Amino acid sequence: MKKLVDLYPYRQKNGYPHFLIFKRSSEKIYANQWRMVGGKVKEGEQSWEAALRELKEETGLSPVKLWTIPSVNQFYEAKSDTVHSIPAFAAELEFHAGITLDDEHSEYKWINIEGIQPYIKWPEQLRLMKLIYDIMTDEFLEILPEWVIEL
């Protein structure tokens, strides 16, 4: 079974995360859908390493901070009769980072939490983005040291 990863890139603006989302190319899986960074884990690669590699491949960027979201993206895929349980990561990017799209995407946007809908259609992705926002903005929550991946 293929192992997958999700990565939710963001930048800080006035103390709040703004998410980087991508429109999938019309020739790729999930054609024309707005999504985050994602991909397959290669043989011998840890999930967090795959997330970093996918970010670099899809945007040309490296994060200033990478952390594990304390939840997973879980869904059933009828085509393969598989329940996917996908590790999810958040990656803070430099505010003025220059993005270079690969052939998987046709465009990108920065959105705040209020702007997620109508772009993100997958409920689990929407939930994870809201969880990131809550962790970063709720006075009773925080990014715990155990979640941070040393780069």
C-alpha atoms as a PDB file:
ATOM      1  CA  MET A   1       0.000   0.000   0.000  1.00  0.00           C
ATOM      2  CA  LYS A   2       1.287   3.474  -0.858  1.00  0.00           C
ATOM      3  CA  LYS A   3       2.231   5.776   2.006  1.00  0.00           C
ATOM      4  CA  LEU A   4       1.166   9.389   1.609  1.00  0.00           C
ATOM      5  CA  VAL A   5       1.843  12.724   3.337  1.00  0.00           C
ATOM      6  CA  ASP A   6       0.061  16.067   3.533  1.00  0.00           C
ATOM      7  CA  LEU A   7       1.823  19.370   4.128  1.00  0.00           C
ATOM      8  CA  TYR A   8       0.065  22.645   4.906  1.00  0.00           C
ATOM      9  CA  PRO A   9       2.347  25.607   4.091  1.00  0.00           C
ATOM     10  CA  TYR A  10       1.575  28.934   5.739  1.00  0.00           C
ATOM     11  CA  ARG A  11       3.104  32.310   6.464  1.00  0.00           C
ATOM     12  CA  GLN A  12       2.466  34.617   9.391  1.00  0.00           C
ATOM     13  CA  LYS A  13       0.613  37.854   8.682  1.00  0.00           C
ATOM     14  CA  ASN A  14      -0.261  40.139  11.590  1.00  0.00           C
ATOM     15  CA  GLY A  15       0.034  37.192  13.973  1.00  0.00           C
ATOM     16  CA  TYR A  16      -2.248  34.878  11.979  1.00  0.00           C
ATOM     17  CA  PRO A  17      -1.447  32.038   9.579  1.00  0.00           C
ATOM     18  CA  HIS A  18      -2.259  32.531   5.903  1.00  0.00           C
ATOM     19  CA  PHE A  19      -2.284  29.273   3.978  1.00  0.00           C
ATOM     20  CA  LEU A  20      -0.682  28.580   0.626  1.00  0.00           C
ATOM     21  CA  ILE A  21      -2.979  26.527  -1.593  1.00  0.00           C
ATOM     22  CA  PHE A  22      -2.512  25.222  -5.120  1.00  0.00           C
ATOM     23  CA  LYS A  23      -4.786  24.525  -8.046  1.00  0.00           C
ATOM     24  CA  ARG A  24      -3.999  21.117  -9.503  1.00  0.00           C
ATOM     25  CA  SER A  25      -3.128  20.983 -13.205  1.00  0.00           C
ATOM     26  CA  SER A  26      -5.844  19.646 -15.479  1.00  0.00           C
ATOM     27  CA  GLU A  27      -3.626  16.685 -16.472  1.00  0.00           C
ATOM     28  CA  LYS A  28      -2.986  15.467 -12.890  1.00  0.00           C
ATOM     29  CA  ILE A  29      -4.925  13.511 -10.289  1.00  0.00           C
ATOM     30  CA  TYR A  30      -7.449  15.779  -8.527  1.00  0.00           C
ATOM     31  CA  ALA A  31      -7.475  17.959 -11.652  1.00  0.00           C
ATOM     32  CA  ASN A  32      -8.447  21.601 -11.100  1.00  0.00           C
ATOM     33  CA  GLN A  33      -9.008  21.132  -7.357  1.00  0.00           C
ATOM     34  CA  TRP A  34      -7.472  23.498  -4.839  1.00  0.00           C
ATOM     35  CA  ARG A  35      -5.266  21.624  -2.380  1.00  0.00           C
ATOM     36  CA  MET A  36      -2.215  21.784  -0.170  1.00  0.00           C
ATOM     37  CA  VAL A  37       1.123  20.037  -0.801  1.00  0.00           C
ATOM     38  CA  GLY A  38       0.944  16.249  -0.820  1.00  0.00           C
ATOM     39  CA  GLY A  39       2.580  13.183  -2.199  1.00  0.00           C
ATOM     40  CA  LYS A  40       3.983   9.714  -1.759  1.00  0.00           C
ATOM     41  CA  VAL A  41       6.627   8.578   0.700  1.00  0.00           C
ATOM     42  CA  LYS A  42       9.549   6.964  -1.122  1.00  0.00           C
ATOM     43  CA  GLU A  43      11.267   3.746  -0.023  1.00  0.00           C
ATOM     44  CA  GLY A  44      13.563   4.432   2.945  1.00  0.00           C
ATOM     45  CA  GLU A  45      12.132   7.906   3.502  1.00  0.00           C
ATOM     46  CA  GLN A  46      10.435   9.036   6.694  1.00  0.00           C
ATOM     47  CA  SER A  47       7.088  10.784   6.335  1.00  0.00           C
ATOM     48  CA  TRP A  48       8.465  14.158   7.454  1.00  0.00           C
ATOM     49  CA  GLU A  49      11.304  13.837   4.918  1.00  0.00           C
ATOM     50  CA  ALA A  50       8.758  13.167   2.178  1.00  0.00           C
ATOM     51  CA  ALA A  51       6.820  16.262   3.245  1.00  0.00           C
ATOM     52  CA  LEU A  52       9.963  18.407   2.960  1.00  0.00           C
ATOM     53  CA  ARG A  53      10.845  16.899  -0.419  1.00  0.00           C
ATOM     54  CA  GLU A  54       7.320  17.440  -1.762  1.00  0.00           C
ATOM     55  CA  LEU A  55       7.357  21.069  -0.604  1.00  0.00           C
ATOM     56  CA  LYS A  56      10.669  21.632  -2.411  1.00  0.00           C
ATOM     57  CA  GLU A  57       9.471  19.865  -5.581  1.00  0.00           C
ATOM     58  CA  GLU A  58       6.098  21.621  -5.731  1.00  0.00           C
ATOM     59  CA  THR A  59       7.162  25.141  -4.688  1.00  0.00           C
ATOM     60  CA  GLY A  60      10.965  25.366  -4.766  1.00  0.00           C
ATOM     61  CA  LEU A  61      10.843  26.348  -1.068  1.00  0.00           C
ATOM     62  CA  SER A  62      12.230  25.118   2.226  1.00  0.00           C
ATOM     63  CA  PRO A  63      10.408  25.985   5.465  1.00  0.00           C
ATOM     64  CA  VAL A  64      11.720  28.034   8.364  1.00  0.00           C
ATOM     65  CA  LYS A  65       9.738  25.757  10.690  1.00  0.00           C
ATOM     66  CA  LEU A  66       8.251  22.283  10.232  1.00  0.00           C
ATOM     67  CA  TRP A  67       5.926  20.638  12.709  1.00  0.00           C
ATOM     68  CA  THR A  68       3.693  17.622  12.971  1.00  0.00           C
ATOM     69  CA  ILE A  69      -0.003  18.352  13.200  1.00  0.00           C
ATOM     70  CA  PRO A  70      -1.379  16.248  16.096  1.00  0.00           C
ATOM     71  CA  SER A  71      -3.935  14.591  13.845  1.00  0.00           C
ATOM     72  CA  VAL A  72      -4.117  12.765  10.501  1.00  0.00           C
ATOM     73  CA  ASN A  73      -6.010  13.117   7.233  1.00  0.00           C
ATOM     74  CA  GLN A  74      -8.123   9.990   7.085  1.00  0.00           C
ATOM     75  CA  PHE A  75     -10.443   8.978   4.254  1.00  0.00           C
ATOM     76  CA  TYR A  76     -11.691   5.971   2.290  1.00  0.00           C
ATOM     77  CA  GLU A  77     -10.739   5.580  -1.391  1.00  0.00           C
ATOM     78  CA  ALA A  78     -13.297   3.400  -3.171  1.00  0.00           C
ATOM     79  CA  LYS A  79     -11.177   2.879  -6.304  1.00  0.00           C
ATOM     80  CA  SER A  80      -8.509   0.990  -4.329  1.00  0.00           C
ATOM     81  CA  ASP A  81     -10.791  -0.079  -1.439  1.00  0.00           C
ATOM     82  CA  THR A  82      -8.285   1.544   0.924  1.00  0.00           C
ATOM     83  CA  VAL A  83      -8.603   3.558   4.100  1.00  0.00           C
ATOM     84  CA  HIS A  84      -5.829   6.144   4.033  1.00  0.00           C
ATOM     85  CA  SER A  85      -4.438   7.485   7.282  1.00  0.00           C
ATOM     86  CA  ILE A  86      -2.078  10.262   6.192  1.00  0.00           C
ATOM     87  CA  PRO A  87       0.391  12.064   8.485  1.00  0.00           C
ATOM     88  CA  ALA A  88      -0.040  15.817   8.286  1.00  0.00           C
ATOM     89  CA  PHE A  89       2.581  18.517   8.697  1.00  0.00           C
ATOM     90  CA  ALA A  90       2.588  22.306   8.839  1.00  0.00           C
ATOM     91  CA  ALA A  91       5.417  24.329   7.305  1.00  0.00           C
ATOM     92  CA  GLU A  92       6.018  27.971   8.068  1.00  0.00           C
ATOM     93  CA  LEU A  93       7.457  29.843   5.098  1.00  0.00           C
ATOM     94  CA  GLU A  94       9.277  33.150   4.918  1.00  0.00           C
ATOM     95  CA  PHE A  95       6.776  35.936   4.304  1.00  0.00           C
ATOM     96  CA  HIS A  96       8.209  37.019   0.944  1.00  0.00           C
ATOM     97  CA  ALA A  97       9.292  33.569  -0.246  1.00  0.00           C
ATOM     98  CA  GLY A  98       9.320  33.282  -4.041  1.00  0.00           C
ATOM     99  CA  ILE A  99       7.224  30.348  -5.210  1.00  0.00           C
ATOM    100  CA  THR A 100       8.154  28.295  -8.266  1.00  0.00           C
ATOM    101  CA  LEU A 101       5.347  25.959  -9.295  1.00  0.00           C
ATOM    102  CA  ASP A 102       6.069  22.565 -10.802  1.00  0.00           C
ATOM    103  CA  ASP A 103       3.890  20.914 -13.461  1.00  0.00           C
ATOM    104  CA  GLU A 104       1.478  19.510 -10.843  1.00  0.00           C
ATOM    105  CA  HIS A 105      -0.138  22.920 -10.320  1.00  0.00           C
ATOM    106  CA  SER A 106      -1.430  25.690 -12.535  1.00  0.00           C
ATOM    107  CA  GLU A 107      -1.692  28.468  -9.923  1.00  0.00           C
ATOM    108  CA  TYR A 108      -1.470  29.278  -6.222  1.00  0.00           C
ATOM    109  CA  LYS A 109      -3.115  31.574  -3.691  1.00  0.00           C
ATOM    110  CA  TRP A 110      -2.547  32.768  -0.144  1.00  0.00           C
ATOM    111  CA  ILE A 111      -5.744  32.568   1.903  1.00  0.00           C
ATOM    112  CA  ASN A 112      -6.680  33.364   5.474  1.00  0.00           C
ATOM    113  CA  ILE A 113      -8.884  31.107   7.575  1.00  0.00           C
ATOM    114  CA  GLU A 114     -12.048  32.947   6.495  1.00  0.00           C
ATOM    115  CA  GLY A 115     -11.106  32.474   2.836  1.00  0.00           C
ATOM    116  CA  ILE A 116     -10.637  28.698   2.876  1.00  0.00           C
ATOM    117  CA  GLN A 117     -14.113  28.028   1.600  1.00  0.00           C
ATOM    118  CA  PRO A 118     -14.945  27.862  -1.333  1.00  0.00           C
ATOM    119  CA  TYR A 119     -11.491  26.553  -2.271  1.00  0.00           C
ATOM    120  CA  ILE A 120     -10.891  23.513  -0.067  1.00  0.00           C
ATOM    121  CA  LYS A 121     -13.508  20.812  -0.734  1.00  0.00           C
ATOM    122  CA  TRP A 122     -12.118  17.848   1.219  1.00  0.00           C
ATOM    123  CA  PRO A 123     -13.555  17.956   4.778  1.00  0.00           C
ATOM    124  CA  GLU A 124     -10.443  16.463   6.401  1.00  0.00           C
ATOM    125  CA  GLN A 125      -8.152  19.003   4.737  1.00  0.00           C
ATOM    126  CA  LEU A 126     -10.471  21.783   5.836  1.00  0.00           C
ATOM    127  CA  ARG A 127     -10.502  20.389   9.391  1.00  0.00           C
ATOM    128  CA  LEU A 128      -6.698  20.175   9.515  1.00  0.00           C
ATOM    129  CA  MET A 129      -6.286  23.752   8.290  1.00  0.00           C
ATOM    130  CA  LYS A 130      -8.686  24.939  10.992  1.00  0.00           C
ATOM    131  CA  LEU A 131      -6.759  22.884  13.557  1.00  0.00           C
ATOM    132  CA  ILE A 132      -3.487  24.570  12.528  1.00  0.00           C
ATOM    133  CA  TYR A 133      -5.173  27.947  12.845  1.00  0.00           C
ATOM    134  CA  ASP A 134      -6.561  27.093  16.286  1.00  0.00           C
ATOM    135  CA  ILE A 135      -3.224  25.802  17.577  1.00  0.00           C
ATOM    136  CA  MET A 136      -1.519  28.977  16.437  1.00  0.00           C
ATOM    137  CA  THR A 137      -4.127  31.495  17.635  1.00  0.00           C
ATOM    138  CA  ASP A 138      -5.914  30.033  20.678  1.00  0.00           C
ATOM    139  CA  GLU A 139      -4.394  31.340  23.924  1.00  0.00           C
ATOM    140  CA  PHE A 140      -4.756  27.881  25.502  1.00  0.00           C
ATOM    141  CA  LEU A 141      -3.079  25.975  22.666  1.00  0.00           C
ATOM    142  CA  GLU A 142       0.469  26.035  21.319  1.00  0.00           C
ATOM    143  CA  ILE A 143       2.872  24.168  19.073  1.00  0.00           C
ATOM    144  CA  LEU A 144       4.436  21.721  21.503  1.00  0.00           C
ATOM    145  CA  PRO A 145       8.189  21.086  21.339  1.00  0.00           C
ATOM    146  CA  GLU A 146       7.543  17.383  20.628  1.00  0.00           C
ATOM    147  CA  TRP A 147       5.798  18.306  17.378  1.00  0.00           C
ATOM    148  CA  VAL A 148       8.617  20.442  15.982  1.00  0.00           C
ATOM    149  CA  ILE A 149      10.966  18.709  13.553  1.00  0.00           C
ATOM    150  CA  GLU A 150      14.523  19.997  13.676  1.00  0.00           C
ATOM    151  CA  LEU A 151      15.676  21.010  10.201  1.00  0.00           C
END
